[in-house]
């Protein structure tokens, strides 16, 4: 008996952004490896790629994630 049951039908109101089809979809229609989510609304799911770009930019510029110790010059 499997520990986790694979859910094939989404809950009403769960939205995902499908990376394969490049659109917002209600419920998990595509495999998890091809989607972002869940989101609370269709609008949030439609803006998933913009949200990802903004978060990536924040992480790239976060001084806590630098590999160089504080006080040493960067090699860039």
PDB file of N, CA and C in Angstrom:
ATOM      1  N   UNK A   1       0.848  -1.176   0.000  1.00  0.00           N
ATOM      2  CA  UNK A   1       0.000   0.000   0.000  1.00  0.00           C
ATOM      3  C   UNK A   1       0.894   1.239   0.000  1.00  0.00           C
ATOM      4  N   UNK A   2       0.650   2.169  -0.920  1.00  0.00           N
ATOM      5  CA  UNK A   2       1.492   3.369  -0.989  1.00  0.00           C
ATOM      6  C   UNK A   2       1.249   4.298   0.188  1.00  0.00           C
ATOM      7  N   UNK A   3       2.317   4.970   0.581  1.00  0.00           N
ATOM      8  CA  UNK A   3       2.214   5.939   1.670  1.00  0.00           C
ATOM      9  C   UNK A   3       1.415   7.175   1.264  1.00  0.00           C
ATOM     10  N   UNK A   4       1.666   7.629   0.050  1.00  0.00           N
ATOM     11  CA  UNK A   4       1.005   8.832  -0.438  1.00  0.00           C
ATOM     12  C   UNK A   4       0.125   8.479  -1.622  1.00  0.00           C
ATOM     13  N   UNK A   5      -1.091   8.925  -1.571  1.00  0.00           N
ATOM     14  CA  UNK A   5      -2.011   8.675  -2.665  1.00  0.00           C
ATOM     15  C   UNK A   5      -1.896   9.809  -3.681  1.00  0.00           C
ATOM     16  N   UNK A   6      -1.722   9.457  -4.935  1.00  0.00           N
ATOM     17  CA  UNK A   6      -1.597  10.464  -5.988  1.00  0.00           C
ATOM     18  C   UNK A   6      -2.969  11.085  -6.241  1.00  0.00           C
ATOM     19  N   UNK A   7      -2.997  12.396  -6.152  1.00  0.00           N
ATOM     20  CA  UNK A   7      -4.239  13.106  -6.377  1.00  0.00           C
ATOM     21  C   UNK A   7      -4.350  13.434  -7.857  1.00  0.00           C
ATOM     22  N   UNK A   8      -5.419  13.007  -8.484  1.00  0.00           N
ATOM     23  CA  UNK A   8      -5.583  13.254  -9.913  1.00  0.00           C
ATOM     24  C   UNK A   8      -6.543  14.405 -10.188  1.00  0.00           C
ATOM     25  N   UNK A   9      -7.349  14.765  -9.223  1.00  0.00           N
ATOM     26  CA  UNK A   9      -8.310  15.848  -9.402  1.00  0.00           C
ATOM     27  C   UNK A   9      -7.986  16.952  -8.412  1.00  0.00           C
ATOM     28  N   UNK A  10      -7.978  18.185  -8.890  1.00  0.00           N
ATOM     29  CA  UNK A  10      -7.668  19.317  -8.029  1.00  0.00           C
ATOM     30  C   UNK A  10      -8.845  19.738  -7.181  1.00  0.00           C
ATOM     31  N   UNK A  11      -8.549  20.485  -6.151  1.00  0.00           N
ATOM     32  CA  UNK A  11      -9.588  21.062  -5.319  1.00  0.00           C
ATOM     33  C   UNK A  11     -10.127  22.305  -6.020  1.00  0.00           C
ATOM     34  N   UNK A  12     -11.411  22.565  -5.897  1.00  0.00           N
ATOM     35  CA  UNK A  12     -11.941  23.796  -6.500  1.00  0.00           C
ATOM     36  C   UNK A  12     -11.228  25.015  -5.922  1.00  0.00           C
ATOM     37  N   UNK A  13     -10.847  25.937  -6.804  1.00  0.00           N
ATOM     38  CA  UNK A  13     -10.169  27.146  -6.361  1.00  0.00           C
ATOM     39  C   UNK A  13      -8.666  27.057  -6.350  1.00  0.00           C
ATOM     40  N   UNK A  14      -8.089  25.884  -6.612  1.00  0.00           N
ATOM     41  CA  UNK A  14      -6.633  25.755  -6.709  1.00  0.00           C
ATOM     42  C   UNK A  14      -6.221  26.044  -8.154  1.00  0.00           C
ATOM     43  N   UNK A  15      -5.318  26.974  -8.312  1.00  0.00           N
ATOM     44  CA  UNK A  15      -4.846  27.356  -9.638  1.00  0.00           C
ATOM     45  C   UNK A  15      -3.361  27.081  -9.764  1.00  0.00           C
ATOM     46  N   UNK A  16      -2.948  26.670 -10.937  1.00  0.00           N
ATOM     47  CA  UNK A  16      -1.557  26.358 -11.233  1.00  0.00           C
ATOM     48  C   UNK A  16      -1.163  27.053 -12.528  1.00  0.00           C
ATOM     49  N   UNK A  17       0.134  27.305 -12.679  1.00  0.00           N
ATOM     50  CA  UNK A  17       0.636  27.803 -13.957  1.00  0.00           C
ATOM     51  C   UNK A  17       1.370  26.651 -14.609  1.00  0.00           C
ATOM     52  N   UNK A  18       0.910  26.239 -15.780  1.00  0.00           N
ATOM     53  CA  UNK A  18       1.519  25.137 -16.511  1.00  0.00           C
ATOM     54  C   UNK A  18       2.665  25.669 -17.359  1.00  0.00           C
ATOM     55  N   UNK A  19       3.866  25.160 -17.120  1.00  0.00           N
ATOM     56  CA  UNK A  19       5.053  25.584 -17.860  1.00  0.00           C
ATOM     57  C   UNK A  19       5.049  25.034 -19.285  1.00  0.00           C
ATOM     58  N   UNK A  20       4.402  23.908 -19.493  1.00  0.00           N
ATOM     59  CA  UNK A  20       4.345  23.293 -20.814  1.00  0.00           C
ATOM     60  C   UNK A  20       3.367  24.046 -21.723  1.00  0.00           C
ATOM     61  N   UNK A  21       2.174  24.328 -21.200  1.00  0.00           N
ATOM     62  CA  UNK A  21       1.143  24.990 -21.998  1.00  0.00           C
ATOM     63  C   UNK A  21       1.170  26.511 -21.870  1.00  0.00           C
ATOM     64  N   UNK A  22       1.973  27.007 -20.919  1.00  0.00           N
ATOM     65  CA  UNK A  22       2.126  28.448 -20.679  1.00  0.00           C
ATOM     66  C   UNK A  22       0.796  29.146 -20.421  1.00  0.00           C
ATOM     67  N   UNK A  23       0.029  28.548 -19.495  1.00  0.00           N
ATOM     68  CA  UNK A  23      -1.262  29.138 -19.130  1.00  0.00           C
ATOM     69  C   UNK A  23      -1.669  28.698 -17.735  1.00  0.00           C
ATOM     70  N   UNK A  24      -2.602  29.455 -17.156  1.00  0.00           N
ATOM     71  CA  UNK A  24      -3.150  29.119 -15.848  1.00  0.00           C
ATOM     72  C   UNK A  24      -4.193  28.021 -16.025  1.00  0.00           C
ATOM     73  N   UNK A  25      -4.166  27.040 -15.107  1.00  0.00           N
ATOM     74  CA  UNK A  25      -5.113  25.933 -15.154  1.00  0.00           C
ATOM     75  C   UNK A  25      -5.668  25.700 -13.769  1.00  0.00           C
ATOM     76  N   UNK A  26      -6.952  25.422 -13.688  1.00  0.00           N
ATOM     77  CA  UNK A  26      -7.562  25.115 -12.392  1.00  0.00           C
ATOM     78  C   UNK A  26      -7.353  23.635 -12.109  1.00  0.00           C
ATOM     79  N   UNK A  27      -6.832  23.352 -10.921  1.00  0.00           N
ATOM     80  CA  UNK A  27      -6.552  21.963 -10.548  1.00  0.00           C
ATOM     81  C   UNK A  27      -5.271  21.477 -11.194  1.00  0.00           C
ATOM     82  N   UNK A  28      -4.678  20.425 -10.651  1.00  0.00           N
ATOM     83  CA  UNK A  28      -3.428  19.916 -11.230  1.00  0.00           C
ATOM     84  C   UNK A  28      -3.708  19.066 -12.469  1.00  0.00           C
ATOM     85  N   UNK A  29      -3.790  19.711 -13.626  1.00  0.00           N
ATOM     86  CA  UNK A  29      -4.038  18.981 -14.866  1.00  0.00           C
ATOM     87  C   UNK A  29      -2.762  18.343 -15.405  1.00  0.00           C
ATOM     88  N   UNK A  30      -1.641  19.012 -15.224  1.00  0.00           N
ATOM     89  CA  UNK A  30      -0.360  18.524 -15.743  1.00  0.00           C
ATOM     90  C   UNK A  30       0.501  18.012 -14.584  1.00  0.00           C
ATOM     91  N   UNK A  31       1.530  17.213 -14.907  1.00  0.00           N
ATOM     92  CA  UNK A  31       2.417  16.693 -13.852  1.00  0.00           C
ATOM     93  C   UNK A  31       3.094  17.825 -13.066  1.00  0.00           C
ATOM     94  N   UNK A  32       3.428  17.551 -11.827  1.00  0.00           N
ATOM     95  CA  UNK A  32       4.025  18.547 -10.929  1.00  0.00           C
ATOM     96  C   UNK A  32       5.314  19.131 -11.495  1.00  0.00           C
ATOM     97  N   UNK A  33       6.079  18.351 -12.230  1.00  0.00           N
ATOM     98  CA  UNK A  33       7.343  18.852 -12.784  1.00  0.00           C
ATOM     99  C   UNK A  33       7.124  19.921 -13.853  1.00  0.00           C
ATOM    100  N   UNK A  34       5.891  20.076 -14.322  1.00  0.00           N
ATOM    101  CA  UNK A  34       5.586  21.042 -15.375  1.00  0.00           C
ATOM    102  C   UNK A  34       4.690  22.176 -14.908  1.00  0.00           C
ATOM    103  N   UNK A  35       4.634  22.433 -13.588  1.00  0.00           N
ATOM    104  CA  UNK A  35       3.740  23.490 -13.123  1.00  0.00           C
ATOM    105  C   UNK A  35       4.259  24.188 -11.872  1.00  0.00           C
ATOM    106  N   UNK A  36       3.798  25.419 -11.673  1.00  0.00           N
ATOM    107  CA  UNK A  36       4.002  26.186 -10.444  1.00  0.00           C
ATOM    108  C   UNK A  36       2.660  26.247  -9.748  1.00  0.00           C
ATOM    109  N   UNK A  37       2.676  26.243  -8.427  1.00  0.00           N
ATOM    110  CA  UNK A  37       1.427  26.420  -7.688  1.00  0.00           C
ATOM    111  C   UNK A  37       1.331  25.464  -6.531  1.00  0.00           C
ATOM    112  N   UNK A  38       0.251  25.473  -5.847  1.00  0.00           N
ATOM    113  CA  UNK A  38      -1.029  26.104  -6.178  1.00  0.00           C
ATOM    114  C   UNK A  38      -1.069  27.580  -5.788  1.00  0.00           C
ATOM    115  N   UNK A  39      -1.916  28.310  -6.496  1.00  0.00           N
ATOM    116  CA  UNK A  39      -2.181  29.716  -6.225  1.00  0.00           C
ATOM    117  C   UNK A  39      -3.644  29.857  -5.814  1.00  0.00           C
ATOM    118  N   UNK A  40      -3.945  30.913  -5.086  1.00  0.00           N
ATOM    119  CA  UNK A  40      -5.298  31.135  -4.575  1.00  0.00           C
ATOM    120  C   UNK A  40      -6.256  31.639  -5.644  1.00  0.00           C
ATOM    121  N   UNK A  41      -5.719  32.241  -6.708  1.00  0.00           N
ATOM    122  CA  UNK A  41      -6.599  32.794  -7.741  1.00  0.00           C
ATOM    123  C   UNK A  41      -5.985  32.599  -9.123  1.00  0.00           C
ATOM    124  N   UNK A  42      -6.832  32.726 -10.113  1.00  0.00           N
ATOM    125  CA  UNK A  42      -6.376  32.626 -11.494  1.00  0.00           C
ATOM    126  C   UNK A  42      -5.363  33.732 -11.811  1.00  0.00           C
ATOM    127  N   UNK A  43      -5.615  34.944 -11.292  1.00  0.00           N
ATOM    128  CA  UNK A  43      -4.719  36.070 -11.550  1.00  0.00           C
ATOM    129  C   UNK A  43      -3.317  35.806 -11.008  1.00  0.00           C
ATOM    130  N   UNK A  44      -3.239  35.237  -9.816  1.00  0.00           N
ATOM    131  CA  UNK A  44      -1.924  34.908  -9.246  1.00  0.00           C
ATOM    132  C   UNK A  44      -1.202  33.895 -10.129  1.00  0.00           C
ATOM    133  N   UNK A  45      -1.936  32.885 -10.584  1.00  0.00           N
ATOM    134  CA  UNK A  45      -1.336  31.854 -11.432  1.00  0.00           C
ATOM    135  C   UNK A  45      -0.874  32.444 -12.761  1.00  0.00           C
ATOM    136  N   UNK A  46      -1.653  33.366 -13.328  1.00  0.00           N
ATOM    137  CA  UNK A  46      -1.282  33.984 -14.596  1.00  0.00           C
ATOM    138  C   UNK A  46      -0.007  34.812 -14.484  1.00  0.00           C
ATOM    139  N   UNK A  47       0.286  35.306 -13.292  1.00  0.00           N
ATOM    140  CA  UNK A  47       1.491  36.119 -13.077  1.00  0.00           C
ATOM    141  C   UNK A  47       2.630  35.310 -12.441  1.00  0.00           C
ATOM    142  N   UNK A  48       2.555  34.001 -12.510  1.00  0.00           N
ATOM    143  CA  UNK A  48       3.545  33.136 -11.865  1.00  0.00           C
ATOM    144  C   UNK A  48       4.959  33.376 -12.384  1.00  0.00           C
ATOM    145  N   UNK A  49       5.114  33.555 -13.682  1.00  0.00           N
ATOM    146  CA  UNK A  49       6.460  33.742 -14.238  1.00  0.00           C
ATOM    147  C   UNK A  49       7.051  35.082 -13.800  1.00  0.00           C
ATOM    148  N   UNK A  50       6.234  36.120 -13.739  1.00  0.00           N
ATOM    149  CA  UNK A  50       6.708  37.426 -13.267  1.00  0.00           C
ATOM    150  C   UNK A  50       7.117  37.333 -11.793  1.00  0.00           C
ATOM    151  N   UNK A  51       6.308  36.634 -11.000  1.00  0.00           N
ATOM    152  CA  UNK A  51       6.623  36.445  -9.582  1.00  0.00           C
ATOM    153  C   UNK A  51       7.951  35.700  -9.436  1.00  0.00           C
ATOM    154  N   UNK A  52       8.163  34.674 -10.258  1.00  0.00           N
ATOM    155  CA  UNK A  52       9.408  33.905 -10.202  1.00  0.00           C
ATOM    156  C   UNK A  52      10.604  34.775 -10.571  1.00  0.00           C
ATOM    157  N   UNK A  53      10.454  35.611 -11.615  1.00  0.00           N
ATOM    158  CA  UNK A  53      11.553  36.512 -12.005  1.00  0.00           C
ATOM    159  C   UNK A  53      11.897  37.475 -10.877  1.00  0.00           C
ATOM    160  N   UNK A  54      10.867  38.045 -10.238  1.00  0.00           N
ATOM    161  CA  UNK A  54      11.098  38.994  -9.148  1.00  0.00           C
ATOM    162  C   UNK A  54      11.788  38.320  -7.971  1.00  0.00           C
ATOM    163  N   UNK A  55      11.366  37.114  -7.628  1.00  0.00           N
ATOM    164  CA  UNK A  55      11.991  36.393  -6.506  1.00  0.00           C
ATOM    165  C   UNK A  55      13.422  36.010  -6.828  1.00  0.00           C
ATOM    166  N   UNK A  56      13.672  35.585  -8.052  1.00  0.00           N
ATOM    167  CA  UNK A  56      15.049  35.249  -8.445  1.00  0.00           C
ATOM    168  C   UNK A  56      15.963  36.460  -8.340  1.00  0.00           C
ATOM    169  N   UNK A  57      15.482  37.610  -8.779  1.00  0.00           N
ATOM    170  CA  UNK A  57      16.268  38.838  -8.695  1.00  0.00           C
ATOM    171  C   UNK A  57      16.561  39.202  -7.238  1.00  0.00           C
ATOM    172  N   UNK A  58      15.552  39.064  -6.368  1.00  0.00           N
ATOM    173  CA  UNK A  58      15.758  39.330  -4.940  1.00  0.00           C
ATOM    174  C   UNK A  58      16.818  38.398  -4.366  1.00  0.00           C
ATOM    175  N   UNK A  59      16.739  37.107  -4.696  1.00  0.00           N
ATOM    176  CA  UNK A  59      17.700  36.141  -4.167  1.00  0.00           C
ATOM    177  C   UNK A  59      19.100  36.393  -4.700  1.00  0.00           C
ATOM    178  N   UNK A  60      19.211  36.761  -5.977  1.00  0.00           N
ATOM    179  CA  UNK A  60      20.531  37.036  -6.549  1.00  0.00           C
ATOM    180  C   UNK A  60      21.196  38.233  -5.883  1.00  0.00           C
ATOM    181  N   UNK A  61      20.404  39.167  -5.408  1.00  0.00           N
ATOM    182  CA  UNK A  61      20.947  40.381  -4.795  1.00  0.00           C
ATOM    183  C   UNK A  61      20.928  40.352  -3.269  1.00  0.00           C
ATOM    184  N   UNK A  62      20.569  39.233  -2.679  1.00  0.00           N
ATOM    185  CA  UNK A  62      20.510  39.118  -1.230  1.00  0.00           C
ATOM    186  C   UNK A  62      21.929  38.891  -0.686  1.00  0.00           C
ATOM    187  N   UNK A  63      22.436  39.805   0.130  1.00  0.00           N
ATOM    188  CA  UNK A  63      23.812  39.657   0.635  1.00  0.00           C
ATOM    189  C   UNK A  63      24.002  38.426   1.516  1.00  0.00           C
ATOM    190  N   UNK A  64      22.948  37.874   2.076  1.00  0.00           N
ATOM    191  CA  UNK A  64      23.076  36.676   2.912  1.00  0.00           C
ATOM    192  C   UNK A  64      23.443  35.441   2.100  1.00  0.00           C
ATOM    193  N   UNK A  65      23.234  35.486   0.786  1.00  0.00           N
ATOM    194  CA  UNK A  65      23.494  34.329  -0.059  1.00  0.00           C
ATOM    195  C   UNK A  65      24.802  34.452  -0.832  1.00  0.00           C
ATOM    196  N   UNK A  66      25.650  35.360  -0.460  1.00  0.00           N
ATOM    197  CA  UNK A  66      26.931  35.522  -1.145  1.00  0.00           C
ATOM    198  C   UNK A  66      27.903  34.451  -0.684  1.00  0.00           C
ATOM    199  N   UNK A  67      28.737  33.996  -1.593  1.00  0.00           N
ATOM    200  CA  UNK A  67      29.728  32.980  -1.254  1.00  0.00           C
ATOM    201  C   UNK A  67      30.976  33.567  -0.612  1.00  0.00           C
ATOM    202  N   UNK A  68      31.225  34.838  -0.846  1.00  0.00           N
ATOM    203  CA  UNK A  68      32.418  35.470  -0.298  1.00  0.00           C
ATOM    204  C   UNK A  68      32.154  35.952   1.120  1.00  0.00           C
ATOM    205  N   UNK A  69      33.064  35.700   2.020  1.00  0.00           N
ATOM    206  CA  UNK A  69      32.891  36.183   3.394  1.00  0.00           C
ATOM    207  C   UNK A  69      32.856  37.712   3.435  1.00  0.00           C
ATOM    208  N   UNK A  70      32.203  38.232   4.398  1.00  0.00           N
ATOM    209  CA  UNK A  70      32.104  39.694   4.548  1.00  0.00           C
ATOM    210  C   UNK A  70      33.489  40.305   4.697  1.00  0.00           C
ATOM    211  N   UNK A  71      33.709  41.437   4.029  1.00  0.00           N
ATOM    212  CA  UNK A  71      34.989  42.134   4.146  1.00  0.00           C
ATOM    213  C   UNK A  71      36.015  41.735   3.103  1.00  0.00           C
ATOM    214  N   UNK A  72      35.712  40.745   2.251  1.00  0.00           N
ATOM    215  CA  UNK A  72      36.647  40.357   1.200  1.00  0.00           C
ATOM    216  C   UNK A  72      36.085  40.805  -0.147  1.00  0.00           C
ATOM    217  N   UNK A  73      36.954  41.224  -1.058  1.00  0.00           N
ATOM    218  CA  UNK A  73      36.450  41.692  -2.376  1.00  0.00           C
ATOM    219  C   UNK A  73      35.918  40.532  -3.204  1.00  0.00           C
ATOM    220  N   UNK A  74      34.940  40.846  -4.045  1.00  0.00           N
ATOM    221  CA  UNK A  74      34.397  39.841  -4.955  1.00  0.00           C
ATOM    222  C   UNK A  74      35.360  39.604  -6.098  1.00  0.00           C
ATOM    223  N   UNK A  75      35.295  38.429  -6.704  1.00  0.00           N
ATOM    224  CA  UNK A  75      36.114  38.109  -7.867  1.00  0.00           C
ATOM    225  C   UNK A  75      35.438  38.519  -9.161  1.00  0.00           C
ATOM    226  N   UNK A  76      34.236  39.067  -9.090  1.00  0.00           N
ATOM    227  CA  UNK A  76      33.473  39.421 -10.298  1.00  0.00           C
ATOM    228  C   UNK A  76      34.132  40.473 -11.060  1.00  0.00           C
TER     229      UNK A  76
END
